[in-house]
Amino acid sequence: MLSERQMHILSYIKSFHEDKKYGPTIKEIADGTGYSTTTVRNELISLEKRGFITRERGKYRTIVIN
């Protein structure tokens, strides 16, 4: 089960991707959700480990919802 924060972040990523046709940066997610970049980074790690997202380390804008 996802936390409310994780659902909010996933929803933001999905909306951003639908609008822009590419993934957001951690900073953009933080700005768009009101969470700190540290919180976003930690939640992305959790979401990735659980298979909800995929991203390429060291590259920008590679977050994809699975």
PDB file of N, CA and C in Angstrom:
ATOM      1  N   MET A   1       0.840  -1.181   0.000  1.00  0.00           N
ATOM      2  CA  MET A   1       0.000   0.000   0.000  1.00  0.00           C
ATOM      3  C   MET A   1       0.886   1.246   0.000  1.00  0.00           C
ATOM      4  N   LEU A   2       0.495   2.215  -0.771  1.00  0.00           N
ATOM      5  CA  LEU A   2       1.252   3.462  -0.857  1.00  0.00           C
ATOM      6  C   LEU A   2       0.775   4.458   0.191  1.00  0.00           C
ATOM      7  N   SER A   3       1.714   5.258   0.664  1.00  0.00           N
ATOM      8  CA  SER A   3       1.348   6.331   1.584  1.00  0.00           C
ATOM      9  C   SER A   3       0.698   7.463   0.789  1.00  0.00           C
ATOM     10  N   GLU A   4       0.053   8.350   1.502  1.00  0.00           N
ATOM     11  CA  GLU A   4      -0.567   9.504   0.852  1.00  0.00           C
ATOM     12  C   GLU A   4       0.491  10.338   0.122  1.00  0.00           C
ATOM     13  N   ARG A   5       1.647  10.478   0.737  1.00  0.00           N
ATOM     14  CA  ARG A   5       2.743  11.235   0.128  1.00  0.00           C
ATOM     15  C   ARG A   5       3.194  10.581  -1.175  1.00  0.00           C
ATOM     16  N   GLN A   6       3.358   9.256  -1.152  1.00  0.00           N
ATOM     17  CA  GLN A   6       3.782   8.541  -2.357  1.00  0.00           C
ATOM     18  C   GLN A   6       2.741   8.658  -3.465  1.00  0.00           C
ATOM     19  N   MET A   7       1.473   8.563  -3.106  1.00  0.00           N
ATOM     20  CA  MET A   7       0.408   8.716  -4.108  1.00  0.00           C
ATOM     21  C   MET A   7       0.428  10.119  -4.701  1.00  0.00           C
ATOM     22  N   HIS A   8       0.671  11.116  -3.856  1.00  0.00           N
ATOM     23  CA  HIS A   8       0.741  12.500  -4.321  1.00  0.00           C
ATOM     24  C   HIS A   8       1.900  12.672  -5.310  1.00  0.00           C
ATOM     25  N   ILE A   9       3.044  12.114  -4.974  1.00  0.00           N
ATOM     26  CA  ILE A   9       4.219  12.210  -5.849  1.00  0.00           C
ATOM     27  C   ILE A   9       3.966  11.484  -7.167  1.00  0.00           C
ATOM     28  N   LEU A  10       3.407  10.288  -7.113  1.00  0.00           N
ATOM     29  CA  LEU A  10       3.098   9.552  -8.347  1.00  0.00           C
ATOM     30  C   LEU A  10       2.108  10.312  -9.216  1.00  0.00           C
ATOM     31  N   SER A  11       1.108  10.885  -8.592  1.00  0.00           N
ATOM     32  CA  SER A  11       0.113  11.664  -9.326  1.00  0.00           C
ATOM     33  C   SER A  11       0.765  12.870 -10.001  1.00  0.00           C
ATOM     34  N   TYR A  12       1.661  13.525  -9.281  1.00  0.00           N
ATOM     35  CA  TYR A  12       2.358  14.671  -9.856  1.00  0.00           C
ATOM     36  C   TYR A  12       3.212  14.247 -11.050  1.00  0.00           C
ATOM     37  N   ILE A  13       3.943  13.151 -10.902  1.00  0.00           N
ATOM     38  CA  ILE A  13       4.788  12.661 -11.998  1.00  0.00           C
ATOM     39  C   ILE A  13       3.930  12.348 -13.223  1.00  0.00           C
ATOM     40  N   LYS A  14       2.816  11.674 -13.002  1.00  0.00           N
ATOM     41  CA  LYS A  14       1.926  11.310 -14.111  1.00  0.00           C
ATOM     42  C   LYS A  14       1.395  12.558 -14.820  1.00  0.00           C
ATOM     43  N   SER A  15       0.917  13.519 -14.053  1.00  0.00           N
ATOM     44  CA  SER A  15       0.386  14.756 -14.641  1.00  0.00           C
ATOM     45  C   SER A  15       1.467  15.522 -15.397  1.00  0.00           C
ATOM     46  N   PHE A  16       2.636  15.607 -14.792  1.00  0.00           N
ATOM     47  CA  PHE A  16       3.751  16.316 -15.423  1.00  0.00           C
ATOM     48  C   PHE A  16       4.102  15.653 -16.747  1.00  0.00           C
ATOM     49  N   HIS A  17       4.207  14.332 -16.723  1.00  0.00           N
ATOM     50  CA  HIS A  17       4.589  13.588 -17.928  1.00  0.00           C
ATOM     51  C   HIS A  17       3.535  13.739 -19.025  1.00  0.00           C
ATOM     52  N   GLU A  18       2.268  13.693 -18.651  1.00  0.00           N
ATOM     53  CA  GLU A  18       1.191  13.858 -19.638  1.00  0.00           C
ATOM     54  C   GLU A  18       1.235  15.245 -20.268  1.00  0.00           C
ATOM     55  N   ASP A  19       1.567  16.238 -19.465  1.00  0.00           N
ATOM     56  CA  ASP A  19       1.599  17.621 -19.946  1.00  0.00           C
ATOM     57  C   ASP A  19       2.846  17.924 -20.774  1.00  0.00           C
ATOM     58  N   LYS A  20       3.994  17.506 -20.289  1.00  0.00           N
ATOM     59  CA  LYS A  20       5.267  17.892 -20.914  1.00  0.00           C
ATOM     60  C   LYS A  20       5.864  16.824 -21.836  1.00  0.00           C
ATOM     61  N   LYS A  21       5.407  15.591 -21.692  1.00  0.00           N
ATOM     62  CA  LYS A  21       5.919  14.458 -22.485  1.00  0.00           C
ATOM     63  C   LYS A  21       7.326  14.025 -22.085  1.00  0.00           C
ATOM     64  N   TYR A  22       7.763  14.426 -20.900  1.00  0.00           N
ATOM     65  CA  TYR A  22       9.018  13.944 -20.324  1.00  0.00           C
ATOM     66  C   TYR A  22       8.881  14.006 -18.809  1.00  0.00           C
ATOM     67  N   GLY A  23       9.768  13.335 -18.115  1.00  0.00           N
ATOM     68  CA  GLY A  23       9.674  13.255 -16.664  1.00  0.00           C
ATOM     69  C   GLY A  23      10.187  14.492 -15.950  1.00  0.00           C
ATOM     70  N   PRO A  24       9.683  14.734 -14.749  1.00  0.00           N
ATOM     71  CA  PRO A  24      10.139  15.875 -13.957  1.00  0.00           C
ATOM     72  C   PRO A  24      11.452  15.581 -13.235  1.00  0.00           C
ATOM     73  N   THR A  25      12.139  16.636 -12.853  1.00  0.00           N
ATOM     74  CA  THR A  25      13.318  16.499 -12.002  1.00  0.00           C
ATOM     75  C   THR A  25      12.852  16.403 -10.547  1.00  0.00           C
ATOM     76  N   ILE A  26      13.756  16.025  -9.672  1.00  0.00           N
ATOM     77  CA  ILE A  26      13.426  15.972  -8.244  1.00  0.00           C
ATOM     78  C   ILE A  26      13.006  17.354  -7.762  1.00  0.00           C
ATOM     79  N   LYS A  27      13.692  18.379  -8.205  1.00  0.00           N
ATOM     80  CA  LYS A  27      13.361  19.759  -7.805  1.00  0.00           C
ATOM     81  C   LYS A  27      11.962  20.138  -8.275  1.00  0.00           C
ATOM     82  N   GLU A  28      11.615  19.771  -9.489  1.00  0.00           N
ATOM     83  CA  GLU A  28      10.273  20.081  -9.998  1.00  0.00           C
ATOM     84  C   GLU A  28       9.197  19.341  -9.205  1.00  0.00           C
ATOM     85  N   ILE A  29       9.469  18.093  -8.848  1.00  0.00           N
ATOM     86  CA  ILE A  29       8.508  17.349  -8.026  1.00  0.00           C
ATOM     87  C   ILE A  29       8.366  18.020  -6.665  1.00  0.00           C
ATOM     88  N   ALA A  30       9.491  18.401  -6.076  1.00  0.00           N
ATOM     89  CA  ALA A  30       9.464  19.074  -4.772  1.00  0.00           C
ATOM     90  C   ALA A  30       8.669  20.379  -4.854  1.00  0.00           C
ATOM     91  N   ASP A  31       8.947  21.174  -5.864  1.00  0.00           N
ATOM     92  CA  ASP A  31       8.234  22.446  -6.030  1.00  0.00           C
ATOM     93  C   ASP A  31       6.743  22.218  -6.275  1.00  0.00           C
ATOM     94  N   GLY A  32       6.424  21.195  -7.039  1.00  0.00           N
ATOM     95  CA  GLY A  32       5.033  20.932  -7.395  1.00  0.00           C
ATOM     96  C   GLY A  32       4.202  20.292  -6.297  1.00  0.00           C
ATOM     97  N   THR A  33       4.869  19.613  -5.376  1.00  0.00           N
ATOM     98  CA  THR A  33       4.140  18.921  -4.310  1.00  0.00           C
ATOM     99  C   THR A  33       4.269  19.594  -2.949  1.00  0.00           C
ATOM    100  N   GLY A  34       5.262  20.463  -2.813  1.00  0.00           N
ATOM    101  CA  GLY A  34       5.472  21.122  -1.527  1.00  0.00           C
ATOM    102  C   GLY A  34       6.348  20.337  -0.568  1.00  0.00           C
ATOM    103  N   TYR A  35       6.888  19.212  -1.015  1.00  0.00           N
ATOM    104  CA  TYR A  35       7.801  18.430  -0.181  1.00  0.00           C
ATOM    105  C   TYR A  35       9.232  18.886  -0.430  1.00  0.00           C
ATOM    106  N   SER A  36      10.108  18.592   0.504  1.00  0.00           N
ATOM    107  CA  SER A  36      11.518  18.932   0.319  1.00  0.00           C
ATOM    108  C   SER A  36      12.141  17.994  -0.714  1.00  0.00           C
ATOM    109  N   THR A  37      13.253  18.419  -1.283  1.00  0.00           N
ATOM    110  CA  THR A  37      13.936  17.555  -2.252  1.00  0.00           C
ATOM    111  C   THR A  37      14.423  16.268  -1.586  1.00  0.00           C
ATOM    112  N   THR A  38      14.797  16.348  -0.325  1.00  0.00           N
ATOM    113  CA  THR A  38      15.231  15.148   0.401  1.00  0.00           C
ATOM    114  C   THR A  38      14.076  14.165   0.549  1.00  0.00           C
ATOM    115  N   THR A  39      12.912  14.672   0.906  1.00  0.00           N
ATOM    116  CA  THR A  39      11.731  13.819   1.037  1.00  0.00           C
ATOM    117  C   THR A  39      11.383  13.184  -0.302  1.00  0.00           C
ATOM    118  N   VAL A  40      11.387  13.984  -1.354  1.00  0.00           N
ATOM    119  CA  VAL A  40      11.075  13.458  -2.689  1.00  0.00           C
ATOM    120  C   VAL A  40      12.082  12.386  -3.072  1.00  0.00           C
ATOM    121  N   ARG A  41      13.345  12.651  -2.865  1.00  0.00           N
ATOM    122  CA  ARG A  41      14.391  11.679  -3.211  1.00  0.00           C
ATOM    123  C   ARG A  41      14.163  10.357  -2.463  1.00  0.00           C
ATOM    124  N   ASN A  42      13.886  10.445  -1.172  1.00  0.00           N
ATOM    125  CA  ASN A  42      13.654   9.234  -0.381  1.00  0.00           C
ATOM    126  C   ASN A  42      12.415   8.474  -0.850  1.00  0.00           C
ATOM    127  N   GLU A  43      11.364   9.197  -1.170  1.00  0.00           N
ATOM    128  CA  GLU A  43      10.141   8.539  -1.647  1.00  0.00           C
ATOM    129  C   GLU A  43      10.356   7.911  -3.022  1.00  0.00           C
ATOM    130  N   LEU A  44      11.133   8.564  -3.881  1.00  0.00           N
ATOM    131  CA  LEU A  44      11.427   7.986  -5.195  1.00  0.00           C
ATOM    132  C   LEU A  44      12.220   6.690  -5.054  1.00  0.00           C
ATOM    133  N   ILE A  45      13.152   6.666  -4.130  1.00  0.00           N
ATOM    134  CA  ILE A  45      13.917   5.436  -3.877  1.00  0.00           C
ATOM    135  C   ILE A  45      12.966   4.319  -3.459  1.00  0.00           C
ATOM    136  N   SER A  46      12.056   4.632  -2.554  1.00  0.00           N
ATOM    137  CA  SER A  46      11.080   3.641  -2.092  1.00  0.00           C
ATOM    138  C   SER A  46      10.172   3.181  -3.230  1.00  0.00           C
ATOM    139  N   LEU A  47       9.676   4.126  -4.012  1.00  0.00           N
ATOM    140  CA  LEU A  47       8.793   3.780  -5.131  1.00  0.00           C
ATOM    141  C   LEU A  47       9.521   2.930  -6.171  1.00  0.00           C
ATOM    142  N   GLU A  48      10.787   3.229  -6.375  1.00  0.00           N
ATOM    143  CA  GLU A  48      11.570   2.452  -7.338  1.00  0.00           C
ATOM    144  C   GLU A  48      11.802   1.031  -6.820  1.00  0.00           C
ATOM    145  N   LYS A  49      12.159   0.900  -5.559  1.00  0.00           N
ATOM    146  CA  LYS A  49      12.383  -0.425  -4.969  1.00  0.00           C
ATOM    147  C   LYS A  49      11.126  -1.280  -5.024  1.00  0.00           C
ATOM    148  N   ARG A  50       9.982  -0.636  -4.903  1.00  0.00           N
ATOM    149  CA  ARG A  50       8.706  -1.356  -4.903  1.00  0.00           C
ATOM    150  C   ARG A  50       8.151  -1.563  -6.313  1.00  0.00           C
ATOM    151  N   GLY A  51       8.856  -1.049  -7.327  1.00  0.00           N
ATOM    152  CA  GLY A  51       8.475  -1.300  -8.710  1.00  0.00           C
ATOM    153  C   GLY A  51       7.433  -0.365  -9.293  1.00  0.00           C
ATOM    154  N   PHE A  52       7.138   0.736  -8.609  1.00  0.00           N
ATOM    155  CA  PHE A  52       6.140   1.674  -9.121  1.00  0.00           C
ATOM    156  C   PHE A  52       6.709   2.622 -10.176  1.00  0.00           C
ATOM    157  N   ILE A  53       8.006   2.884 -10.080  1.00  0.00           N
ATOM    158  CA  ILE A  53       8.663   3.750 -11.061  1.00  0.00           C
ATOM    159  C   ILE A  53       9.981   3.121 -11.493  1.00  0.00           C
ATOM    160  N   THR A  54      10.486   3.619 -12.606  1.00  0.00           N
ATOM    161  CA  THR A  54      11.813   3.257 -13.095  1.00  0.00           C
ATOM    162  C   THR A  54      12.531   4.559 -13.405  1.00  0.00           C
ATOM    163  N   ARG A  55      13.821   4.596 -13.135  1.00  0.00           N
ATOM    164  CA  ARG A  55      14.612   5.776 -13.496  1.00  0.00           C
ATOM    165  C   ARG A  55      16.058   5.375 -13.704  1.00  0.00           C
ATOM    166  N   GLU A  56      16.755   6.175 -14.488  1.00  0.00           N
ATOM    167  CA  GLU A  56      18.168   5.926 -14.756  1.00  0.00           C
ATOM    168  C   GLU A  56      18.997   6.812 -13.849  1.00  0.00           C
ATOM    169  N   ARG A  57      19.855   6.207 -13.083  1.00  0.00           N
ATOM    170  CA  ARG A  57      20.719   6.958 -12.173  1.00  0.00           C
ATOM    171  C   ARG A  57      21.654   7.876 -12.956  1.00  0.00           C
ATOM    172  N   GLY A  58      21.820   9.081 -12.448  1.00  0.00           N
ATOM    173  CA  GLY A  58      22.754  10.024 -13.042  1.00  0.00           C
ATOM    174  C   GLY A  58      22.224  10.767 -14.256  1.00  0.00           C
ATOM    175  N   LYS A  59      20.977  10.515 -14.621  1.00  0.00           N
ATOM    176  CA  LYS A  59      20.387  11.204 -15.766  1.00  0.00           C
ATOM    177  C   LYS A  59      19.133  11.933 -15.307  1.00  0.00           C
ATOM    178  N   TYR A  60      18.906  13.083 -15.893  1.00  0.00           N
ATOM    179  CA  TYR A  60      17.731  13.878 -15.566  1.00  0.00           C
ATOM    180  C   TYR A  60      16.530  13.440 -16.396  1.00  0.00           C
ATOM    181  N   ARG A  61      15.362  13.632 -15.822  1.00  0.00           N
ATOM    182  CA  ARG A  61      14.089  13.453 -16.529  1.00  0.00           C
ATOM    183  C   ARG A  61      13.855  12.039 -17.041  1.00  0.00           C
ATOM    184  N   THR A  62      14.308  11.050 -16.284  1.00  0.00           N
ATOM    185  CA  THR A  62      14.139   9.661 -16.723  1.00  0.00           C
ATOM    186  C   THR A  62      13.135   8.891 -15.876  1.00  0.00           C
ATOM    187  N   ILE A  63      12.391   9.571 -15.011  1.00  0.00           N
ATOM    188  CA  ILE A  63      11.413   8.890 -14.163  1.00  0.00           C
ATOM    189  C   ILE A  63      10.226   8.460 -15.021  1.00  0.00           C
ATOM    190  N   VAL A  64       9.911   7.170 -14.956  1.00  0.00           N
ATOM    191  CA  VAL A  64       8.789   6.614 -15.704  1.00  0.00           C
ATOM    192  C   VAL A  64       7.932   5.807 -14.736  1.00  0.00           C
ATOM    193  N   ILE A  65       6.625   5.996 -14.795  1.00  0.00           N
ATOM    194  CA  ILE A  65       5.714   5.200 -13.975  1.00  0.00           C
ATOM    195  C   ILE A  65       5.504   3.868 -14.670  1.00  0.00           C
ATOM    196  N   ASN A  66       5.661   2.788 -13.922  1.00  0.00           N
ATOM    197  CA  ASN A  66       5.495   1.435 -14.489  1.00  0.00           C
ATOM    198  C   ASN A  66       4.033   1.035 -14.526  1.00  0.00           C
TER     199      ASN A  66
END
